[in-house]
Amino acid sequence: MEVHIVVNILLDYLGTLGAWSSARTLCRQIHNIVTKKSLRRDVCSARTFIAQHKCMACLKYVEKPRWIVVKCLPVTMRRYLVTCHHWRCQTASLFSMIDELAAANIFVLKNPFQKSLAIDIPRSDGSMTPGSCVTHGLMNIRGEYCVMTHWTDFGNTYMKNVPWPHYLEKSPRFIFKDLFKQ
C-alpha cells in the first residue's frame, strides 16, 4: 500500500496529536505528507473559565475537552482554547494561538526564565516594588524584549514592561519563533 494512503488513514481516523507528531518524525517522505495538510489558523481563544464542552475548531460537542491555556499573557488577560482530541483541531488551536501571540508581539520562551511569578519591579524613582510577572513569554517592544510585570497598590493594578537585560544578561531562547510573522 502507498505510504500517503496509510498516513491519511492514520491521521483521518485515528488522528490524535500524538499520531500527528509521530508521523512528522518517521521519515522525510511522511513528514512532507503531513506538512502539506492544510491547517486552520483562525481559531480564536476566549477569556473564560466557565467549563465549555464545544470544540472551538470543529464546533462539535466534546465530553472531555482539552483545554489549552495561553500562559504567555498576564493572569488578568489569560486566554483559553477548548478543543476535541483530534489532531486537526488541536494543531489548528495551537497554530492560531501562536498567530494571536505574534499579533501582540509576544514570544514564547523555551523554558520559564524563573520558577516563581514573584519579581521585583524597578520604578522610575529608583525604588523596587514587589509584584508578579509572566515567566513563559516576552513582549517585543521596538526591537527590545521585555518582561511583562504587574503589581497592585491600594486596589489598583499597574502593568509595566521591564527590559529583559534588567533581569538576565543571557539572550532569551524562544520556541515557535520561525512560525511567527515578523
Protein backbone atom coordinates (compact mmCIF):
# COMPACT_ATOMS: atom_id res chain seq x y z
CA MET A 1 0.00 0.00 0.00
CA GLU A 2 1.25 3.52 -0.78
CA VAL A 3 2.62 5.44 2.18
CA HIS A 4 0.40 8.51 1.62
CA ILE A 5 -2.73 6.30 1.87
CA VAL A 6 -1.54 4.81 5.17
CA VAL A 7 -0.72 8.26 6.56
CA ASN A 8 -4.11 9.65 5.51
CA ILE A 9 -5.95 6.71 7.11
CA LEU A 10 -3.90 7.03 10.30
CA LEU A 11 -4.46 10.75 10.65
CA ASP A 12 -8.07 10.97 9.49
CA TYR A 13 -9.45 8.07 11.52
CA LEU A 14 -7.06 7.64 14.46
CA GLY A 15 -5.96 11.25 14.46
CA THR A 16 -4.58 12.21 17.81
CA LEU A 17 -1.96 14.87 18.36
CA GLY A 18 0.48 12.08 19.26
CA ALA A 19 -0.14 10.35 15.93
CA TRP A 20 0.38 13.65 14.10
CA SER A 21 3.69 14.39 15.85
CA SER A 22 4.87 10.77 15.44
CA ALA A 23 4.07 10.83 11.73
CA ARG A 24 6.14 14.01 11.33
CA THR A 25 9.22 12.26 12.77
CA LEU A 26 9.08 8.89 10.99
CA CYS A 27 10.82 9.82 7.74
CA ARG A 28 11.19 12.76 5.37
CA GLN A 29 8.52 11.44 2.96
CA ILE A 30 5.87 11.13 5.70
CA HIS A 31 6.94 14.48 7.17
CA ASN A 32 6.31 16.13 3.81
CA ILE A 33 2.86 14.48 3.51
CA VAL A 34 1.86 15.64 7.00
CA THR A 35 3.26 19.15 6.49
CA LYS A 36 1.29 19.64 3.26
CA LYS A 37 -2.03 19.04 5.03
CA SER A 38 -3.91 22.30 5.36
CA LEU A 39 -4.43 23.68 8.85
CA ARG A 40 -6.86 26.32 10.01
CA ARG A 41 -5.24 29.27 11.72
CA ASP A 42 -8.37 31.22 12.60
CA VAL A 43 -9.49 29.62 15.88
CA CYS A 44 -9.93 32.44 18.37
CA SER A 45 -9.14 31.94 22.03
CA ALA A 46 -11.56 33.14 24.69
CA ARG A 47 -11.21 34.78 28.08
CA THR A 48 -13.36 32.38 30.04
CA PHE A 49 -13.02 30.00 32.94
CA ILE A 50 -16.52 28.55 32.54
CA ALA A 51 -16.43 24.88 31.51
CA GLN A 52 -17.08 24.53 27.81
CA HIS A 53 -17.80 21.29 26.01
CA LYS A 54 -17.66 22.57 22.47
CA CYS A 55 -14.54 22.34 20.34
CA MET A 56 -13.59 25.83 19.16
CA ALA A 57 -12.19 24.44 15.90
CA CYS A 58 -14.81 21.95 14.65
CA LEU A 59 -17.69 23.19 16.87
CA LYS A 60 -18.63 19.63 17.93
CA TYR A 61 -19.73 18.69 21.44
CA VAL A 62 -16.92 17.01 23.40
CA GLU A 63 -17.44 15.01 26.61
CA LYS A 64 -13.90 15.60 27.93
CA PRO A 65 -12.41 18.52 26.01
CA ARG A 66 -8.76 19.52 26.07
CA TRP A 67 -8.12 22.98 27.47
CA ILE A 68 -5.11 24.83 26.08
CA VAL A 69 -4.06 27.69 28.34
CA VAL A 70 -2.19 30.62 26.80
CA LYS A 71 0.34 31.15 29.61
CA CYS A 72 2.33 33.85 27.83
CA LEU A 73 -0.12 36.53 28.90
CA PRO A 74 -0.58 38.20 32.29
CA VAL A 75 -3.03 36.33 34.51
CA THR A 76 -5.63 39.08 34.16
CA MET A 77 -5.53 38.70 30.37
CA ARG A 78 -5.16 34.90 30.20
CA ARG A 79 -6.93 33.18 27.32
CA TYR A 80 -8.09 29.60 26.71
CA LEU A 81 -8.71 27.33 23.75
CA VAL A 82 -11.05 24.36 24.06
CA THR A 83 -10.59 21.50 21.58
CA CYS A 84 -11.60 17.94 20.96
CA HIS A 85 -8.93 15.24 20.79
CA HIS A 86 -8.48 15.19 17.00
CA TRP A 87 -5.09 16.34 15.72
CA ARG A 88 -6.62 18.77 13.23
CA CYS A 89 -8.45 20.70 15.93
CA GLN A 90 -5.53 20.70 18.36
CA THR A 91 -2.98 21.83 15.79
CA ALA A 92 -5.40 24.48 14.48
CA SER A 93 -5.77 25.77 18.04
CA LEU A 94 -2.03 25.74 18.71
CA PHE A 95 -1.12 27.50 15.46
CA SER A 96 -3.93 30.02 15.99
CA MET A 97 -2.57 30.69 19.48
CA ILE A 98 0.88 31.29 18.00
CA ASP A 99 -0.61 33.75 15.48
CA GLU A 100 -2.52 35.59 18.25
CA LEU A 101 0.67 35.95 20.28
CA ALA A 102 2.58 37.13 17.21
CA ALA A 103 -0.06 39.80 16.59
CA ALA A 104 0.58 41.05 20.14
CA ASN A 105 4.40 40.84 19.69
CA ILE A 106 4.68 38.19 22.40
CA PHE A 107 7.30 35.47 22.00
CA VAL A 108 7.18 32.11 23.82
CA LEU A 109 10.26 31.16 25.85
CA LYS A 110 11.68 27.61 25.65
CA ASN A 111 11.72 27.49 29.44
CA PRO A 112 10.32 29.87 32.05
CA PHE A 113 13.10 32.29 32.96
CA GLN A 114 12.43 31.80 36.69
CA LYS A 115 10.41 29.38 38.82
CA SER A 116 8.39 31.91 40.78
CA LEU A 117 5.98 34.53 39.46
CA ALA A 118 7.17 36.96 42.16
CA ILE A 119 9.59 39.60 40.93
CA ASP A 120 10.99 42.99 41.95
CA ILE A 121 9.86 45.69 39.55
CA PRO A 122 12.10 48.76 39.10
CA ARG A 123 10.32 52.09 39.44
CA SER A 124 11.21 55.42 37.86
CA ASP A 125 12.28 56.84 41.25
CA GLY A 126 14.91 54.10 41.66
CA SER A 127 12.94 52.02 44.17
CA MET A 128 11.78 48.43 43.68
CA THR A 129 8.20 47.24 44.02
CA PRO A 130 7.31 43.59 44.62
CA GLY A 131 4.96 42.24 42.01
CA SER A 132 4.29 39.40 39.58
CA CYS A 133 5.48 38.63 36.08
CA VAL A 134 4.84 36.41 33.09
CA THR A 135 7.58 33.77 33.09
CA HIS A 136 6.67 31.98 29.85
CA GLY A 137 6.93 34.80 27.33
CA LEU A 138 8.44 38.16 26.48
CA MET A 139 6.95 41.11 24.67
CA ASN A 140 8.93 42.69 21.85
CA ILE A 141 8.67 46.47 22.05
CA ARG A 142 10.55 48.40 19.36
CA GLY A 143 13.01 45.53 18.90
CA GLU A 144 13.71 45.07 22.62
CA TYR A 145 12.44 42.07 24.59
CA CYS A 146 10.63 42.99 27.79
CA VAL A 147 9.31 41.06 30.80
CA MET A 148 5.61 41.74 31.38
CA THR A 149 5.15 42.66 35.05
CA HIS A 150 2.27 43.87 37.17
CA TRP A 151 1.61 44.88 40.78
CA THR A 152 -1.30 46.03 42.91
CA ASP A 153 -1.30 49.15 45.05
CA PHE A 154 -4.35 50.29 47.05
CA GLY A 155 -6.70 48.19 44.92
CA ASN A 156 -5.34 49.44 41.60
CA THR A 157 -3.42 47.15 39.26
CA TYR A 158 -0.45 48.53 37.36
CA MET A 159 1.47 46.95 34.49
CA LYS A 160 5.00 47.63 33.30
CA ASN A 161 7.20 46.08 30.64
CA VAL A 162 10.74 45.84 32.00
CA PRO A 163 13.63 45.29 29.55
CA TRP A 164 14.99 41.71 29.60
CA PRO A 165 18.63 42.73 30.39
CA HIS A 166 17.46 44.20 33.71
CA TYR A 167 16.86 40.65 34.98
CA LEU A 168 19.17 38.41 32.91
CA GLU A 169 22.28 39.02 30.81
CA LYS A 170 21.94 35.97 28.54
CA SER A 171 19.87 36.16 25.37
CA PRO A 172 16.35 34.71 25.59
CA ARG A 173 15.71 31.38 23.84
CA PHE A 174 12.35 31.05 22.07
CA ILE A 175 10.24 28.27 20.61
CA PHE A 176 7.96 28.73 17.61
CA LYS A 177 9.96 31.81 16.56
CA ASP A 178 10.19 30.54 12.99
CA LEU A 179 6.36 30.36 12.92
CA PHE A 180 5.86 33.97 13.92
CA LYS A 181 5.13 36.50 11.23
CA GLN A 182 7.86 39.11 11.54
